[in-house]
Protein backbone atom coordinates (compact mmCIF):
# COMPACT_ATOMS: atom_id res chain seq x y z
CA MET A 1 20.12 37.50 41.44
CA ASN A 2 20.46 41.41 41.10
CA LYS A 3 22.54 42.65 44.09
CA LEU A 4 21.74 46.79 45.36
CA GLN A 5 24.49 48.41 46.51
CA GLY A 6 25.99 51.97 46.53
CA VAL A 7 24.17 55.31 46.25
CA ILE A 8 20.73 54.70 46.45
CA ALA A 9 17.94 57.27 46.51
CA ALA A 10 14.98 57.24 48.62
CA VAL A 11 13.05 58.74 45.91
CA ALA A 12 10.67 61.59 46.82
CA THR A 13 7.21 61.11 45.04
CA PRO A 14 5.63 64.04 43.14
CA LEU A 15 2.36 64.88 43.26
CA GLY A 16 -1.03 66.27 41.27
CA LYS A 17 -3.39 68.93 42.33
CA ASP A 18 -5.61 66.14 43.91
CA PHE A 19 -2.92 64.46 45.77
CA SER A 20 -2.55 61.66 42.93
CA ILE A 21 0.94 60.83 42.64
CA ASP A 22 2.05 62.37 39.33
CA HIS A 23 3.35 59.78 37.29
CA LYS A 24 5.67 61.40 34.48
CA ARG A 25 7.71 63.92 36.72
CA LEU A 26 8.28 60.79 39.04
CA ILE A 27 9.50 58.67 35.92
CA ASP A 28 12.04 61.64 34.48
CA HIS A 29 13.67 62.16 38.30
CA CYS A 30 13.90 58.42 38.28
CA ARG A 31 15.30 58.60 34.96
CA TRP A 32 17.82 61.90 36.08
CA LEU A 33 18.75 59.69 39.28
CA LEU A 34 19.98 56.91 37.83
CA GLY A 35 22.26 59.21 34.95
CA PRO A 36 23.43 62.88 35.62
CA GLY A 37 22.08 62.47 39.20
CA GLY A 38 25.02 60.16 40.25
CA CYS A 39 22.56 57.37 41.80
CA ASP A 40 23.11 53.35 41.15
CA GLY A 41 19.75 52.68 42.75
CA ILE A 42 16.29 54.07 43.78
CA ASN A 43 14.51 52.93 46.89
CA LEU A 44 10.52 53.69 45.56
CA LEU A 45 7.85 54.09 47.26
CA GLY A 46 9.36 54.47 51.06
CA THR A 47 9.46 57.08 53.95
CA THR A 48 10.88 59.57 51.79
CA GLY A 49 8.28 58.90 48.99
CA GLU A 50 5.32 59.04 51.62
CA ALA A 51 4.37 55.32 50.90
CA THR A 52 2.56 54.92 53.92
CA SER A 53 0.11 57.66 52.79
CA PHE A 54 -1.22 55.94 49.44
CA SER A 55 -3.46 53.26 49.00
CA VAL A 56 -2.37 49.95 48.24
CA ALA A 57 -4.26 50.50 44.66
CA ALA A 58 -1.86 53.88 44.53
CA ARG A 59 1.14 51.99 45.19
CA ILE A 60 0.27 49.11 42.71
CA GLU A 61 -0.09 51.36 40.17
CA THR A 62 2.76 53.22 40.59
CA MET A 63 5.29 50.42 40.58
CA GLN A 64 3.27 49.38 37.76
CA THR A 65 4.07 52.72 35.71
CA ILE A 66 7.61 52.41 36.74
CA ALA A 67 7.81 49.07 35.34
CA LYS A 68 6.77 49.70 32.12
CA SER A 69 8.53 52.98 31.83
CA GLY A 70 11.71 51.25 30.55
CA LEU A 71 13.49 51.80 33.60
CA PRO A 72 16.03 49.08 35.08
CA LEU A 73 13.84 47.60 37.87
CA GLY A 74 17.63 45.99 38.66
CA ARG A 75 18.20 49.12 40.13
CA PHE A 76 15.19 49.55 41.91
CA MET A 77 14.23 48.55 45.55
CA VAL A 78 10.41 48.90 46.18
CA GLY A 79 8.75 49.33 49.89
CA THR A 80 6.15 47.08 50.12
CA GLY A 81 5.61 47.36 54.09
CA ALA A 82 1.85 47.86 55.73
CA ALA A 83 0.32 47.36 59.11
CA SER A 84 -2.06 44.27 57.25
CA LEU A 85 -0.83 41.19 57.02
CA GLU A 86 -2.55 40.86 53.43
CA ASP A 87 -1.58 44.19 52.14
CA ALA A 88 1.90 43.74 52.71
CA VAL A 89 1.68 40.31 50.47
CA ARG A 90 0.10 41.83 48.39
CA LEU A 91 2.28 44.62 47.63
CA THR A 92 5.43 42.39 48.07
CA ALA A 93 3.76 39.78 45.63
CA GLU A 94 3.33 42.33 43.05
CA ALA A 95 7.08 43.56 43.33
CA LYS A 96 8.06 40.19 43.12
CA SER A 97 5.95 39.85 39.75
CA LEU A 98 6.92 43.03 38.17
CA GLY A 99 10.76 42.00 38.47
CA PHE A 100 12.14 44.52 41.15
CA ALA A 101 15.55 43.70 42.77
CA GLY A 102 14.22 43.86 45.86
CA ALA A 103 11.09 44.49 48.31
CA LEU A 104 11.71 46.71 51.55
CA LEU A 105 9.68 45.37 53.89
CA LEU A 106 8.90 47.69 57.04
CA PRO A 107 7.66 45.76 60.16
CA PRO A 108 4.01 46.09 61.14
CA PHE A 109 4.15 49.21 62.80
CA TYR A 110 0.36 49.89 64.64
CA TYR A 111 1.03 47.63 67.69
CA LYS A 112 3.83 48.36 69.87
CA GLY A 113 5.72 46.29 71.93
CA ILE A 114 5.77 43.39 69.64
CA ALA A 115 7.63 40.43 70.92
CA ALA A 116 10.39 38.97 68.48
CA GLU A 117 8.12 35.66 67.90
CA GLY A 118 5.25 37.79 66.56
CA LEU A 119 7.73 39.71 64.26
CA VAL A 120 9.35 36.10 63.04
CA ALA A 121 6.01 35.14 62.35
CA TYR A 122 4.82 38.30 60.15
CA VAL A 123 8.07 37.76 58.14
CA ASP A 124 7.22 34.23 58.10
CA ALA A 125 4.07 34.83 56.92
CA VAL A 126 4.75 37.31 53.78
CA ILE A 127 7.56 34.74 52.74
CA ALA A 128 5.36 31.87 52.80
CA GLU A 129 2.19 33.98 51.08
CA VAL A 130 4.22 35.61 48.24
CA GLY A 131 6.51 32.35 47.65
CA ARG A 132 10.21 32.47 48.19
CA ASP A 133 11.21 31.54 44.50
CA GLY A 134 12.82 34.60 43.19
CA LEU A 135 11.32 36.77 46.35
CA GLN A 136 14.22 39.31 47.29
CA LEU A 137 13.56 41.38 50.42
CA TYR A 138 15.33 43.57 52.73
CA LEU A 139 14.14 44.61 56.04
CA TYR A 140 13.27 48.37 57.15
CA HIS A 141 14.58 49.21 60.46
CA PHE A 142 13.60 53.06 61.30
CA PRO A 143 12.20 52.03 64.97
CA GLN A 144 11.65 56.23 65.53
CA ASN A 145 8.71 55.89 62.90
CA SER A 146 7.78 52.63 63.12
CA GLY A 147 7.88 52.00 66.52
CA VAL A 148 9.14 48.28 66.33
CA PRO A 149 12.89 47.86 65.98
CA TYR A 150 14.24 44.63 63.76
CA GLU A 151 16.57 43.79 66.58
CA ILE A 152 19.81 42.55 66.11
CA ASP A 153 18.96 38.93 67.44
CA THR A 154 15.65 38.84 65.14
CA VAL A 155 17.62 39.96 62.15
CA THR A 156 20.05 37.14 62.65
CA ARG A 157 17.38 34.57 63.07
CA LEU A 158 15.10 35.65 59.97
CA ARG A 159 18.44 35.75 57.97
CA ARG A 160 19.45 31.96 59.22
CA ALA A 161 15.90 31.05 58.13
CA HIS A 162 15.86 32.63 55.10
CA PRO A 163 19.61 32.92 53.51
CA ASP A 164 18.36 33.47 49.53
CA VAL A 165 15.39 35.66 50.62
CA ILE A 166 16.12 38.05 53.39
CA LEU A 167 19.38 39.91 51.57
CA GLY A 168 19.91 42.83 53.37
CA LEU A 169 18.48 45.65 55.90
CA LYS A 170 17.86 49.49 55.52
CA ASP A 171 18.63 51.40 58.70
CA SER A 172 17.48 54.60 59.26
CA SER A 173 17.92 54.59 63.01
CA GLY A 174 20.99 56.47 62.62
CA ASP A 175 22.74 54.24 64.91
CA LEU A 176 25.85 53.47 63.06
CA GLU A 177 26.92 51.01 65.38
CA TYR A 178 24.35 49.02 65.14
CA ALA A 179 24.63 48.69 61.17
CA ALA A 180 28.31 47.51 61.72
CA ALA A 181 27.20 44.87 64.02
CA LEU A 182 24.59 43.23 61.55
CA SER A 183 27.60 43.49 58.97
CA ARG A 184 30.13 42.08 61.18
CA LYS A 185 27.50 39.36 62.49
CA LEU A 186 25.84 38.48 59.29
CA GLU A 187 28.47 37.21 56.01
CA GLY A 188 26.85 38.38 52.72
CA PHE A 189 24.17 40.73 54.06
CA ALA A 190 23.80 43.96 52.34
CA VAL A 191 23.60 46.67 55.24
CA PHE A 192 22.34 50.24 53.92
CA PRO A 193 22.69 53.05 56.58
CA SER A 194 20.24 56.26 55.66
CA ALA A 195 22.45 59.00 55.94
CA GLU A 196 25.72 59.96 53.22
CA ALA A 197 27.86 60.36 56.10
CA SER A 198 27.86 56.51 56.51
CA LEU A 199 30.33 55.93 53.18
CA GLY A 200 33.20 57.21 54.66
CA ARG A 201 33.34 54.64 56.89
CA ALA A 202 31.65 52.00 54.36
CA ARG A 203 34.41 49.53 53.20
CA GLU A 204 35.67 50.10 56.70
CA LEU A 205 32.66 48.87 58.36
CA GLY A 206 31.05 46.38 55.42
CA PHE A 207 28.43 48.54 54.17
CA ALA A 208 26.49 48.09 51.07
CA GLY A 209 26.44 51.59 50.39
CA CYS A 210 23.64 54.05 51.46
CA ILE A 211 19.83 54.30 51.25
CA SER A 212 19.26 58.12 51.29
CA ALA A 213 16.39 60.87 51.44
CA THR A 214 18.85 63.54 50.67
CA ALA A 215 20.48 61.61 47.88
CA ASN A 216 17.39 63.27 45.63
CA VAL A 217 19.80 66.20 45.31
CA THR A 218 23.49 64.93 46.95
CA GLY A 219 23.88 61.73 44.33
CA PRO A 220 26.62 63.66 42.37
CA PHE A 221 28.28 64.37 45.69
CA ALA A 222 28.01 61.24 47.13
CA GLN A 223 28.77 59.03 44.24
CA ARG A 224 32.07 60.80 44.61
CA ALA A 225 32.44 59.71 48.19
CA TRP A 226 30.88 56.23 47.05
CA SER A 227 33.70 55.55 43.94
CA GLY A 228 35.78 58.54 44.19
CA GLY A 229 39.44 58.13 44.46
CA THR A 230 40.88 59.96 47.72
CA VAL A 231 40.77 63.28 47.04
CA ALA A 232 37.63 63.35 45.27
CA ALA A 233 35.99 60.65 47.51
CA ARG A 234 36.96 63.25 50.58
CA ASP A 235 35.56 66.32 48.98
CA GLY A 236 32.21 64.66 48.01
CA LEU A 237 31.96 63.08 51.37
CA ALA A 238 32.50 66.88 52.74
CA GLN A 239 29.99 68.34 50.27
CA ALA A 240 27.16 65.88 50.47
CA VAL A 241 27.58 65.65 54.48
CA GLU A 242 27.45 69.56 54.76
CA ILE A 243 24.20 69.57 51.77
CA ARG A 244 22.40 67.29 54.15
CA ALA A 245 22.83 69.11 57.00
CA ALA A 246 20.97 71.97 55.66
CA ILE A 247 18.39 70.14 54.32
CA ALA A 248 17.92 68.42 57.63
CA ARG A 249 17.55 71.50 59.69
CA PHE A 250 13.73 71.45 58.32
CA PRO A 251 11.25 68.41 58.69
CA LEU A 252 12.88 65.85 55.68
CA VAL A 253 10.60 64.78 53.03
CA ALA A 254 9.52 68.48 53.05
CA ALA A 255 12.83 70.13 53.20
CA VAL A 256 13.71 67.16 50.31
CA LYS A 257 11.23 68.41 48.16
CA ALA A 258 11.77 72.42 48.41
CA THR A 259 15.42 71.55 47.89
CA LEU A 260 13.81 69.61 44.61
CA ALA A 261 11.22 72.78 43.93
CA LEU A 262 14.31 75.44 44.23
CA LEU A 263 16.72 73.18 41.91
CA THR A 264 14.13 72.16 39.26
CA GLU A 265 12.00 75.87 39.66
CA ASP A 266 8.79 73.61 39.62
CA PRO A 267 6.86 74.65 42.44
CA ASN A 268 4.91 71.73 42.47
CA TRP A 269 7.47 69.60 43.90
CA ARG A 270 6.60 71.37 47.37
CA LYS A 271 3.56 69.52 47.68
CA VAL A 272 3.58 66.83 50.34
CA MET A 273 0.61 63.96 51.42
CA PRO A 274 -1.52 65.10 54.18
CA PRO A 275 -0.50 64.72 57.02
CA LEU A 276 2.52 66.24 56.13
CA SER A 277 2.98 69.67 55.76
CA PRO A 278 5.11 71.85 53.11
CA LEU A 279 7.62 73.92 54.31
CA SER A 280 6.72 77.62 55.11
CA ASP A 281 7.41 80.53 52.67
CA VAL A 282 9.74 82.04 55.67
CA GLU A 283 11.18 78.06 55.96
CA LEU A 284 11.82 78.04 52.29
CA ALA A 285 13.83 81.41 52.18
CA THR A 286 15.78 80.48 54.49
CA LEU A 287 16.67 76.61 53.26
CA LYS A 288 17.28 78.48 50.03
CA ARG A 289 19.98 81.01 51.82
CA THR A 290 21.25 77.92 53.81
CA LEU A 291 21.85 75.63 50.35
CA ARG A 292 23.52 78.76 48.86
CA ALA A 293 26.40 78.34 51.17
CA THR A 294 26.70 74.44 50.01
CA ALA A 295 28.33 72.98 46.32
CA LEU A 296 25.05 72.18 45.69
CA MET A 297 23.65 75.83 45.34
CA SER A 298 26.71 77.65 45.03
CA ASN A 299 28.12 79.62 41.80
CA GLU A 300 31.50 77.53 42.21
CA ARG A 301 31.53 75.62 38.95
CA THR A 302 31.77 71.99 39.97
CA GLU A 303 31.32 68.25 38.32
CA PRO A 304 28.56 67.30 40.77
CA ARG A 305 27.33 71.16 40.47
CA GLU A 306 26.79 70.93 36.57
CA ALA A 307 24.87 68.17 37.13
CA TRP A 308 22.02 69.70 38.27
CA ARG A 309 22.40 72.24 35.35
CA SER A 310 21.76 69.50 32.99
CA ARG A 311 18.10 68.97 33.98
């Protein structure tokens, strides 16, 4: 069984002129992230990857393309959540058959006020339809977007019912106590908060790492926070947190893509899938000015900064 841990980038999805997924640029970016980009793993087709704005067919085609690319699928978690049970089953089954290390399952996100019984029944049905043999499932708690939380008692119930299938949870709520409570309560359950700041307390609180949108650009710094010695970890953490704060002043998906455009000098990275909007030129200029005050774009020579120069 593959074990995902460490710094995981919720990878942004590059788009072509017709809003199709640019698979070549996606593969190139993933390959860089898993090398000089400092990441231990990749969350493909998550929120940052704008997955729910693509058709099931487009998502499956992207999964298949990554699987054929030679990239190590043992380092990939792929988002398979959908409002429709049938769509979630199709996507999760594809992730399993292709050999991804994990499928990341959002709750069904249209109907709100879902009772615990209904949510448990939904996850039970996904597992039954896909087949539990070889299935590696992670829950995705993002109540601000989904409107349907994975409450601690619900997660506990699911984990105890399917200990060989439900391996962990990505927590994008920003509530570190929620994540810490799950780590304390469920032994061997991999909990991934969504911001680099959590790496500073990862070992204390039992986190498996973090899955972050800004790890698309902070990976070399965040890796220091995760695996470096005391001084390197402290410095890497401070730098990663500062960079994330600069980016998070703006809508996160658009700002991550804008940052990639600035760093790679490829303006095509700015394109987002409707209904999202790219940063305006004024916002882009402000972002660039702010990032120049961070280790990401400063003129100061650092090993993580040099990783970007290798692109």
